[in-house]
Amino acid sequence: MARENISNYGVVREYKNGNITLKCDPVEFANDPLLAVSELLFWVDTDIVCEIPDVWQPSLLLYNCRLGRCYELFESSQDDLKTGKTVRIYARVPNEYDKEFLKENYMV
């Protein structure tokens, strides 16, 4: 593990390979889900870029500015965070689809 932060919003861990685990406090998540997730991601230099509209699997596109890696936080994973479960999101090199979203919604 490379970095870890524990706060009122939950726990975030970033691993050497860039993967991240999140565990949100259910009360904070219920109050404001985006704030809870973004507050945790802040500690590992990761931002919520935009929502990815997909009929089958809507998700949030995340971007780590330090590593130059993208992540997707699927709606099913958000449901797990709501109940206090730990969720792992996997780092990947941005593909063309990601780069298009980043260009439109994030200053890269």
C-alpha atoms as a PDB file:
ATOM      1  CA  MET A   1       0.000   0.000   0.000  1.00  0.00           C
ATOM      2  CA  ALA A   2       1.315   3.421  -0.941  1.00  0.00           C
ATOM      3  CA  ARG A   3      -1.060   5.820   0.870  1.00  0.00           C
ATOM      4  CA  GLU A   4      -3.968   5.708   3.295  1.00  0.00           C
ATOM      5  CA  ASN A   5      -6.282   8.322   4.793  1.00  0.00           C
ATOM      6  CA  ILE A   6      -8.921   7.874   7.475  1.00  0.00           C
ATOM      7  CA  SER A   7     -11.476  10.659   8.011  1.00  0.00           C
ATOM      8  CA  ASN A   8     -15.074  11.254   9.072  1.00  0.00           C
ATOM      9  CA  TYR A   9     -16.085  10.347   5.520  1.00  0.00           C
ATOM     10  CA  GLY A  10     -14.440   6.913   5.621  1.00  0.00           C
ATOM     11  CA  VAL A  11     -11.204   5.264   4.545  1.00  0.00           C
ATOM     12  CA  VAL A  12      -9.316   5.511   1.263  1.00  0.00           C
ATOM     13  CA  ARG A  13      -6.244   3.481   0.319  1.00  0.00           C
ATOM     14  CA  GLU A  14      -4.104   3.839  -2.779  1.00  0.00           C
ATOM     15  CA  TYR A  15      -1.848   0.953  -3.755  1.00  0.00           C
ATOM     16  CA  LYS A  16       1.486   1.006  -5.596  1.00  0.00           C
ATOM     17  CA  ASN A  17      -0.179  -0.201  -8.804  1.00  0.00           C
ATOM     18  CA  GLY A  18      -2.619   2.756  -8.668  1.00  0.00           C
ATOM     19  CA  ASN A  19      -5.702   0.813  -7.579  1.00  0.00           C
ATOM     20  CA  ILE A  20      -7.844   2.428  -4.884  1.00  0.00           C
ATOM     21  CA  THR A  21     -10.112   1.036  -2.175  1.00  0.00           C
ATOM     22  CA  LEU A  22     -12.885   3.166  -0.689  1.00  0.00           C
ATOM     23  CA  LYS A  23     -15.032   2.621   2.363  1.00  0.00           C
ATOM     24  CA  CYS A  24     -17.527   5.401   3.092  1.00  0.00           C
ATOM     25  CA  ASP A  25     -19.233   6.124   6.360  1.00  0.00           C
ATOM     26  CA  PRO A  26     -22.896   5.202   5.663  1.00  0.00           C
ATOM     27  CA  VAL A  27     -24.240   8.279   7.488  1.00  0.00           C
ATOM     28  CA  GLU A  28     -22.017  10.717   5.575  1.00  0.00           C
ATOM     29  CA  PHE A  29     -22.779   8.904   2.317  1.00  0.00           C
ATOM     30  CA  ALA A  30     -26.528   9.171   2.967  1.00  0.00           C
ATOM     31  CA  ASN A  31     -26.212  12.934   3.599  1.00  0.00           C
ATOM     32  CA  ASP A  32     -24.338  13.695   0.353  1.00  0.00           C
ATOM     33  CA  PRO A  33     -22.919  10.791  -1.688  1.00  0.00           C
ATOM     34  CA  LEU A  34     -20.831  12.890  -4.089  1.00  0.00           C
ATOM     35  CA  LEU A  35     -19.301  14.932  -1.291  1.00  0.00           C
ATOM     36  CA  ALA A  36     -18.390  11.807   0.683  1.00  0.00           C
ATOM     37  CA  VAL A  37     -16.725  10.141  -2.313  1.00  0.00           C
ATOM     38  CA  SER A  38     -14.961  13.280  -3.544  1.00  0.00           C
ATOM     39  CA  GLU A  39     -13.685  14.066  -0.040  1.00  0.00           C
ATOM     40  CA  LEU A  40     -12.051  10.629   0.147  1.00  0.00           C
ATOM     41  CA  LEU A  41     -10.671  10.792  -3.391  1.00  0.00           C
ATOM     42  CA  PHE A  42      -9.094  14.178  -2.645  1.00  0.00           C
ATOM     43  CA  TRP A  43      -6.510  12.450  -0.433  1.00  0.00           C
ATOM     44  CA  VAL A  44      -5.259  10.330  -3.338  1.00  0.00           C
ATOM     45  CA  ASP A  45      -5.214  13.166  -5.938  1.00  0.00           C
ATOM     46  CA  THR A  46      -8.280  11.843  -7.742  1.00  0.00           C
ATOM     47  CA  ASP A  47     -11.237  13.864  -9.005  1.00  0.00           C
ATOM     48  CA  ILE A  48     -14.731  13.036 -10.194  1.00  0.00           C
ATOM     49  CA  VAL A  49     -14.726  14.136 -13.835  1.00  0.00           C
ATOM     50  CA  CYS A  50     -18.267  13.393 -14.995  1.00  0.00           C
ATOM     51  CA  GLU A  51     -21.066  10.874 -15.149  1.00  0.00           C
ATOM     52  CA  ILE A  52     -20.836   8.352 -17.954  1.00  0.00           C
ATOM     53  CA  PRO A  53     -24.319   7.827 -19.349  1.00  0.00           C
ATOM     54  CA  ASP A  54     -24.776   4.146 -20.018  1.00  0.00           C
ATOM     55  CA  VAL A  55     -28.125   2.394 -20.086  1.00  0.00           C
ATOM     56  CA  TRP A  56     -26.736  -0.841 -18.643  1.00  0.00           C
ATOM     57  CA  GLN A  57     -24.045   0.381 -16.249  1.00  0.00           C
ATOM     58  CA  PRO A  58     -24.047   4.097 -15.406  1.00  0.00           C
ATOM     59  CA  SER A  59     -20.846   5.180 -13.697  1.00  0.00           C
ATOM     60  CA  LEU A  60     -18.654   8.069 -12.649  1.00  0.00           C
ATOM     61  CA  LEU A  61     -15.397   8.710 -14.498  1.00  0.00           C
ATOM     62  CA  LEU A  62     -12.572   9.455 -12.071  1.00  0.00           C
ATOM     63  CA  TYR A  63      -9.125  10.810 -12.931  1.00  0.00           C
ATOM     64  CA  ASN A  64      -5.906  10.733 -10.918  1.00  0.00           C
ATOM     65  CA  CYS A  65      -3.922  13.799 -11.967  1.00  0.00           C
ATOM     66  CA  ARG A  66      -0.693  12.585 -10.333  1.00  0.00           C
ATOM     67  CA  LEU A  67      -0.654   9.185 -12.050  1.00  0.00           C
ATOM     68  CA  GLY A  68      -2.528  10.119 -15.232  1.00  0.00           C
ATOM     69  CA  ARG A  69      -4.879   7.166 -14.699  1.00  0.00           C
ATOM     70  CA  CYS A  70      -8.648   6.778 -15.016  1.00  0.00           C
ATOM     71  CA  TYR A  71     -11.113   4.805 -12.921  1.00  0.00           C
ATOM     72  CA  GLU A  72     -14.805   4.025 -13.189  1.00  0.00           C
ATOM     73  CA  LEU A  73     -17.040   3.925 -10.144  1.00  0.00           C
ATOM     74  CA  PHE A  74     -20.076   1.941 -11.214  1.00  0.00           C
ATOM     75  CA  GLU A  75     -23.551   2.485  -9.800  1.00  0.00           C
ATOM     76  CA  SER A  76     -23.475  -0.992  -8.244  1.00  0.00           C
ATOM     77  CA  SER A  77     -20.286  -0.029  -6.379  1.00  0.00           C
ATOM     78  CA  GLN A  78     -21.973   3.155  -5.178  1.00  0.00           C
ATOM     79  CA  ASP A  79     -24.732   0.968  -3.736  1.00  0.00           C
ATOM     80  CA  ASP A  80     -22.052  -0.998  -1.851  1.00  0.00           C
ATOM     81  CA  LEU A  81     -20.544   2.234  -0.497  1.00  0.00           C
ATOM     82  CA  LYS A  82     -23.995   3.243   0.729  1.00  0.00           C
ATOM     83  CA  THR A  83     -24.052   0.198   3.021  1.00  0.00           C
ATOM     84  CA  GLY A  84     -20.489   0.684   4.301  1.00  0.00           C
ATOM     85  CA  LYS A  85     -18.832  -2.019   2.204  1.00  0.00           C
ATOM     86  CA  THR A  86     -15.310  -1.625   0.837  1.00  0.00           C
ATOM     87  CA  VAL A  87     -15.064  -1.068  -2.911  1.00  0.00           C
ATOM     88  CA  ARG A  88     -11.954  -1.468  -5.055  1.00  0.00           C
ATOM     89  CA  ILE A  89     -11.583   0.562  -8.228  1.00  0.00           C
ATOM     90  CA  TYR A  90      -8.916  -0.311 -10.763  1.00  0.00           C
ATOM     91  CA  ALA A  91      -6.513   2.125 -12.408  1.00  0.00           C
ATOM     92  CA  ARG A  92      -6.200   2.122 -16.175  1.00  0.00           C
ATOM     93  CA  VAL A  93      -4.513   4.166 -18.863  1.00  0.00           C
ATOM     94  CA  PRO A  94      -7.101   6.514 -20.417  1.00  0.00           C
ATOM     95  CA  ASN A  95      -8.519   5.136 -23.669  1.00  0.00           C
ATOM     96  CA  GLU A  96      -9.879   7.301 -26.513  1.00  0.00           C
ATOM     97  CA  TYR A  97     -13.333   7.340 -24.927  1.00  0.00           C
ATOM     98  CA  ASP A  98     -11.869   8.528 -21.605  1.00  0.00           C
ATOM     99  CA  LYS A  99      -9.735  11.167 -23.326  1.00  0.00           C
ATOM    100  CA  GLU A 100     -12.826  12.580 -25.013  1.00  0.00           C
ATOM    101  CA  PHE A 101     -14.633  12.897 -21.652  1.00  0.00           C
ATOM    102  CA  LEU A 102     -11.510  14.386 -20.053  1.00  0.00           C
ATOM    103  CA  LYS A 103     -11.144  16.945 -22.817  1.00  0.00           C
ATOM    104  CA  GLU A 104     -14.784  18.029 -22.486  1.00  0.00           C
ATOM    105  CA  ASN A 105     -15.050  17.983 -18.677  1.00  0.00           C
ATOM    106  CA  TYR A 106     -11.573  18.319 -17.177  1.00  0.00           C
ATOM    107  CA  MET A 107      -8.517  20.443 -17.813  1.00  0.00           C
ATOM    108  CA  VAL A 108      -5.880  17.947 -18.957  1.00  0.00           C
END
